[in-house]
């Protein structure tokens, strides 16, 4: 799911990566909100608050929302920059690098919170937004802009449009493709929701606080190892078949 690109990429690959990354985004979103009362997977609300402070001439107060927006933007830029820089290296799965960085962030934040008192919560929020910018850029590039996993506004818009198209088959005859796209949107929404439930349960019920982020890191690491194991297994089978023939 992390390796297939272009024509070799199928719906099942997008479904796999969409469910995993949207689930992780749901965990991050709820954990960040419960910890700091701030959204940590998108910048729409932060932009509105930033413009409100600017309109009220409270520029200094609005700076923090600008930093939130910039952190997400920089995460997206950094992810895309890494992918473009290492794209020519055929031996390297370039999409692993941003995912590994995201894992490190989701591990480092709870470790830091366990060892030290967090005196600058805005820095943690910025770091989480950076990680979500990384993730959203990664999944956008790997899926050819088909999948988004960190925010739902565009998803619900697209889903509403596509559901309406089902009622006009004469104008949209490719119903199989349309239904596949709707299925993908529903998977992302459902797993974002399920990730949020898990994040809330870990944070509130088990009182794990920011340690709930470990769950997201564990899921990402497991998906990377699984993807690599499957790739190595396919390579081994191909080598064996060549020798046999």
Protein backbone atom coordinates (compact mmCIF):
# COMPACT_ATOMS: atom_id res chain seq x y z
CA UNK A 1 0.00 0.00 0.00
CA UNK A 2 3.01 2.33 0.51
CA UNK A 3 4.89 1.10 -2.56
CA UNK A 4 2.36 0.95 -5.38
CA UNK A 5 2.26 4.10 -7.48
CA UNK A 6 0.78 5.21 -10.78
CA UNK A 7 -0.98 2.54 -12.85
CA UNK A 8 -0.01 -0.25 -10.45
CA UNK A 9 -2.02 1.40 -7.68
CA UNK A 10 -5.49 -0.10 -7.23
CA UNK A 11 -8.54 0.68 -5.12
CA UNK A 12 -7.54 -1.86 -2.48
CA UNK A 13 -4.21 -0.07 -1.94
CA UNK A 14 -6.01 3.24 -1.40
CA UNK A 15 -8.51 1.58 0.92
CA UNK A 16 -5.71 0.08 3.00
CA UNK A 17 -3.73 3.26 3.43
CA UNK A 18 -6.89 5.35 3.88
CA UNK A 19 -8.18 3.22 6.76
CA UNK A 20 -4.84 3.15 8.56
CA UNK A 21 -3.97 6.83 8.24
CA UNK A 22 -7.50 8.12 8.90
CA UNK A 23 -7.64 5.91 12.01
CA UNK A 24 -4.35 7.41 13.23
CA UNK A 25 -5.59 10.93 12.40
CA UNK A 26 -8.70 10.28 14.48
CA UNK A 27 -6.55 9.30 17.46
CA UNK A 28 -4.37 12.40 17.08
CA UNK A 29 -7.35 14.70 16.62
CA UNK A 30 -9.16 13.65 19.80
CA UNK A 31 -6.00 13.34 21.89
CA UNK A 32 -4.81 16.81 20.91
CA UNK A 33 -8.23 18.33 21.51
CA UNK A 34 -8.66 16.71 24.94
CA UNK A 35 -5.14 17.69 25.98
CA UNK A 36 -5.07 21.29 24.76
CA UNK A 37 -8.57 22.11 23.50
CA UNK A 38 -7.17 22.69 20.02
CA UNK A 39 -7.75 20.95 16.70
CA UNK A 40 -4.58 19.14 15.64
CA UNK A 41 -5.47 17.59 12.27
CA UNK A 42 -6.67 20.58 10.22
CA UNK A 43 -6.36 24.36 10.09
CA UNK A 44 -9.84 25.54 9.04
CA UNK A 45 -10.89 26.54 12.55
CA UNK A 46 -7.50 28.05 13.32
CA UNK A 47 -7.69 30.21 10.21
CA UNK A 48 -11.09 31.55 11.29
CA UNK A 49 -9.75 32.38 14.76
CA UNK A 50 -6.66 34.00 13.24
CA UNK A 51 -8.78 36.24 11.01
CA UNK A 52 -11.01 37.12 13.98
CA UNK A 53 -7.99 38.32 15.98
CA UNK A 54 -6.69 40.27 12.99
CA UNK A 55 -10.09 41.92 12.51
CA UNK A 56 -10.05 42.93 16.19
CA UNK A 57 -6.50 44.30 15.75
CA UNK A 58 -5.24 41.77 18.29
CA UNK A 59 -2.29 40.78 16.14
CA UNK A 60 -0.11 39.32 18.88
CA UNK A 61 -2.88 37.01 20.08
CA UNK A 62 -3.47 35.83 16.52
CA UNK A 63 0.19 34.87 16.11
CA UNK A 64 -0.36 31.48 17.75
CA UNK A 65 -3.04 30.56 15.19
CA UNK A 66 -0.71 31.67 12.41
CA UNK A 67 1.92 29.32 13.84
CA UNK A 68 -0.62 26.47 13.87
CA UNK A 69 -1.42 27.09 10.19
CA UNK A 70 2.25 27.41 9.28
CA UNK A 71 3.12 24.17 11.13
CA UNK A 72 0.61 22.19 9.06
CA UNK A 73 1.81 23.90 5.89
CA UNK A 74 5.46 23.22 6.71
CA UNK A 75 4.68 19.56 7.44
CA UNK A 76 3.03 19.24 4.05
CA UNK A 77 5.94 21.01 2.35
CA UNK A 78 8.56 18.92 4.15
CA UNK A 79 6.86 15.63 3.29
CA UNK A 80 6.55 16.54 -0.39
CA UNK A 81 10.13 17.86 -0.44
CA UNK A 82 11.50 14.56 0.90
CA UNK A 83 9.45 12.53 -1.57
CA UNK A 84 10.62 14.63 -4.53
CA UNK A 85 14.24 14.61 -3.40
CA UNK A 86 14.50 10.83 -3.03
CA UNK A 87 12.12 9.85 -5.83
CA UNK A 88 14.95 8.80 -8.15
CA UNK A 89 16.35 6.34 -5.61
CA UNK A 90 14.77 3.10 -6.84
CA UNK A 91 16.02 1.09 -3.85
CA UNK A 92 14.28 3.33 -1.35
CA UNK A 93 10.58 3.34 -0.58
CA UNK A 94 10.32 7.11 -0.43
CA UNK A 95 6.95 7.14 1.32
CA UNK A 96 8.44 5.41 4.35
CA UNK A 97 10.48 8.49 5.30
CA UNK A 98 7.57 10.89 6.11
CA UNK A 99 5.68 8.04 7.81
CA UNK A 100 8.72 7.22 9.97
CA UNK A 101 9.06 10.89 10.94
CA UNK A 102 5.38 10.95 11.92
CA UNK A 103 5.95 7.83 14.06
CA UNK A 104 8.88 9.50 15.81
CA UNK A 105 6.76 12.56 16.60
CA UNK A 106 3.90 10.47 18.01
CA UNK A 107 6.41 8.62 20.20
CA UNK A 108 8.48 11.64 21.23
CA UNK A 109 5.58 13.79 22.46
CA UNK A 110 4.27 11.36 25.12
CA UNK A 111 7.82 10.44 26.16
CA UNK A 112 8.59 14.11 26.66
CA UNK A 113 5.35 14.69 28.57
CA UNK A 114 6.18 11.77 30.88
CA UNK A 115 9.67 13.08 31.61
CA UNK A 116 9.03 16.83 31.82
CA UNK A 117 6.27 19.27 32.65
CA UNK A 118 4.99 20.82 29.45
CA UNK A 119 5.24 24.57 29.87
CA UNK A 120 4.64 25.38 26.18
CA UNK A 121 1.54 23.48 25.08
CA UNK A 122 1.37 25.51 21.87
CA UNK A 123 4.63 23.88 20.80
CA UNK A 124 3.05 20.43 21.19
CA UNK A 125 0.02 21.54 19.15
CA UNK A 126 2.33 22.87 16.42
CA UNK A 127 4.25 19.59 16.38
CA UNK A 128 1.06 17.54 16.02
CA UNK A 129 -0.12 19.80 13.20
CA UNK A 130 3.26 19.37 11.52
CA UNK A 131 2.85 15.57 11.77
CA UNK A 132 -0.65 15.75 10.26
CA UNK A 133 0.65 17.98 7.46
CA UNK A 134 3.28 15.32 6.77
CA UNK A 135 0.62 12.63 6.66
CA UNK A 136 -1.84 14.49 4.48
CA UNK A 137 0.81 15.40 1.92
CA UNK A 138 2.12 11.84 1.90
CA UNK A 139 -1.25 10.20 1.29
CA UNK A 140 -2.20 12.85 -1.28
CA UNK A 141 0.91 12.15 -3.35
CA UNK A 142 0.84 8.36 -2.99
CA UNK A 143 -2.84 8.13 -3.98
CA UNK A 144 -2.66 10.73 -6.76
CA UNK A 145 -4.85 13.15 -4.78
CA UNK A 146 -7.61 10.54 -4.35
CA UNK A 147 -7.25 10.15 -0.57
CA UNK A 148 -7.30 12.75 2.22
CA UNK A 149 -7.15 11.52 5.81
CA UNK A 150 -6.72 14.38 8.29
CA UNK A 151 -9.91 16.41 7.85
CA UNK A 152 -13.46 15.65 6.77
CA UNK A 153 -14.90 18.87 5.28
CA UNK A 154 -13.86 18.11 1.71
CA UNK A 155 -14.72 14.44 2.18
CA UNK A 156 -18.31 15.15 3.14
CA UNK A 157 -18.60 17.61 0.25
CA UNK A 158 -17.31 15.05 -2.26
CA UNK A 159 -19.45 12.31 -0.71
CA UNK A 160 -22.58 14.45 -0.99
CA UNK A 161 -21.84 15.20 -4.66
CA UNK A 162 -21.16 11.55 -5.49
CA UNK A 163 -24.25 10.29 -3.67
CA UNK A 164 -26.38 12.71 -5.67
CA UNK A 165 -24.83 11.42 -8.91
CA UNK A 166 -26.20 7.94 -8.18
CA UNK A 167 -29.68 9.32 -8.93
CA UNK A 168 -28.64 10.34 -12.45
CA UNK A 169 -27.16 7.20 -14.05
CA UNK A 170 -27.71 8.55 -17.56
CA UNK A 171 -25.27 11.38 -16.85
CA UNK A 172 -22.87 9.24 -14.81
CA UNK A 173 -22.88 5.80 -16.46
CA UNK A 174 -19.71 4.55 -14.76
CA UNK A 175 -21.56 3.44 -11.62
CA UNK A 176 -18.85 0.93 -10.61
CA UNK A 177 -16.19 3.63 -10.36
CA UNK A 178 -18.62 5.98 -8.61
CA UNK A 179 -19.57 3.37 -6.01
CA UNK A 180 -15.89 2.55 -5.42
CA UNK A 181 -15.16 6.21 -4.73
CA UNK A 182 -18.12 6.48 -2.35
CA UNK A 183 -16.90 3.36 -0.57
CA UNK A 184 -13.46 4.92 -0.15
CA UNK A 185 -14.95 8.11 1.33
CA UNK A 186 -17.07 6.11 3.77
CA UNK A 187 -14.06 4.07 4.87
CA UNK A 188 -12.07 7.22 5.65
CA UNK A 189 -14.94 8.83 7.57
CA UNK A 190 -15.71 5.68 9.56
CA UNK A 191 -12.11 4.95 10.50
CA UNK A 192 -11.47 8.59 11.43
CA UNK A 193 -14.49 8.28 13.72
CA UNK A 194 -13.29 4.94 15.16
CA UNK A 195 -9.81 6.36 15.72
CA UNK A 196 -11.36 9.26 17.59
CA UNK A 197 -13.33 6.86 19.80
CA UNK A 198 -10.17 4.89 20.60
CA UNK A 199 -8.24 8.09 21.30
CA UNK A 200 -10.96 9.33 23.64
CA UNK A 201 -11.16 5.96 25.41
CA UNK A 202 -7.40 5.78 25.94
CA UNK A 203 -7.18 9.40 27.06
CA UNK A 204 -10.21 9.54 29.36
CA UNK A 205 -11.13 6.02 30.42
CA UNK A 206 -7.64 4.59 30.79
CA UNK A 207 -6.24 7.99 31.80
CA UNK A 208 -3.29 7.62 29.42
CA UNK A 209 -3.33 11.32 28.51
CA UNK A 210 -0.82 12.02 25.74
CA UNK A 211 0.34 8.39 25.94
CA UNK A 212 -2.69 7.68 23.75
CA UNK A 213 -0.49 8.85 20.86
CA UNK A 214 1.56 5.68 21.28
CA UNK A 215 -1.39 3.79 19.77
CA UNK A 216 -1.14 5.85 16.59
CA UNK A 217 2.62 5.30 16.37
CA UNK A 218 2.20 1.56 16.93
CA UNK A 219 -0.37 1.30 14.13
CA UNK A 220 1.89 3.19 11.72
CA UNK A 221 4.92 1.05 12.59
CA UNK A 222 2.91 -2.16 12.23
CA UNK A 223 1.65 -1.06 8.81
CA UNK A 224 5.19 -0.23 7.65
CA UNK A 225 6.54 -3.61 8.80
CA UNK A 226 3.59 -5.43 7.22
CA UNK A 227 4.04 -3.59 3.93
CA UNK A 228 7.75 -4.36 3.84
CA UNK A 229 7.22 -8.01 4.84
CA UNK A 230 4.63 -8.46 2.08
CA UNK A 231 6.95 -6.81 -0.45
CA UNK A 232 9.87 -9.05 0.51
CA UNK A 233 7.63 -12.11 0.34
CA UNK A 234 6.49 -11.21 -3.18
CA UNK A 235 10.11 -10.67 -4.26
CA UNK A 236 11.14 -14.03 -2.84
CA UNK A 237 8.31 -15.80 -4.67
CA UNK A 238 9.27 -14.12 -7.95
CA UNK A 239 12.91 -15.16 -7.57
CA UNK A 240 11.85 -18.72 -6.76
CA UNK A 241 9.55 -18.87 -9.79
CA UNK A 242 12.31 -17.60 -12.08
CA UNK A 243 14.73 -20.24 -10.81
CA UNK A 244 12.10 -22.94 -11.17
CA UNK A 245 11.38 -21.98 -14.76
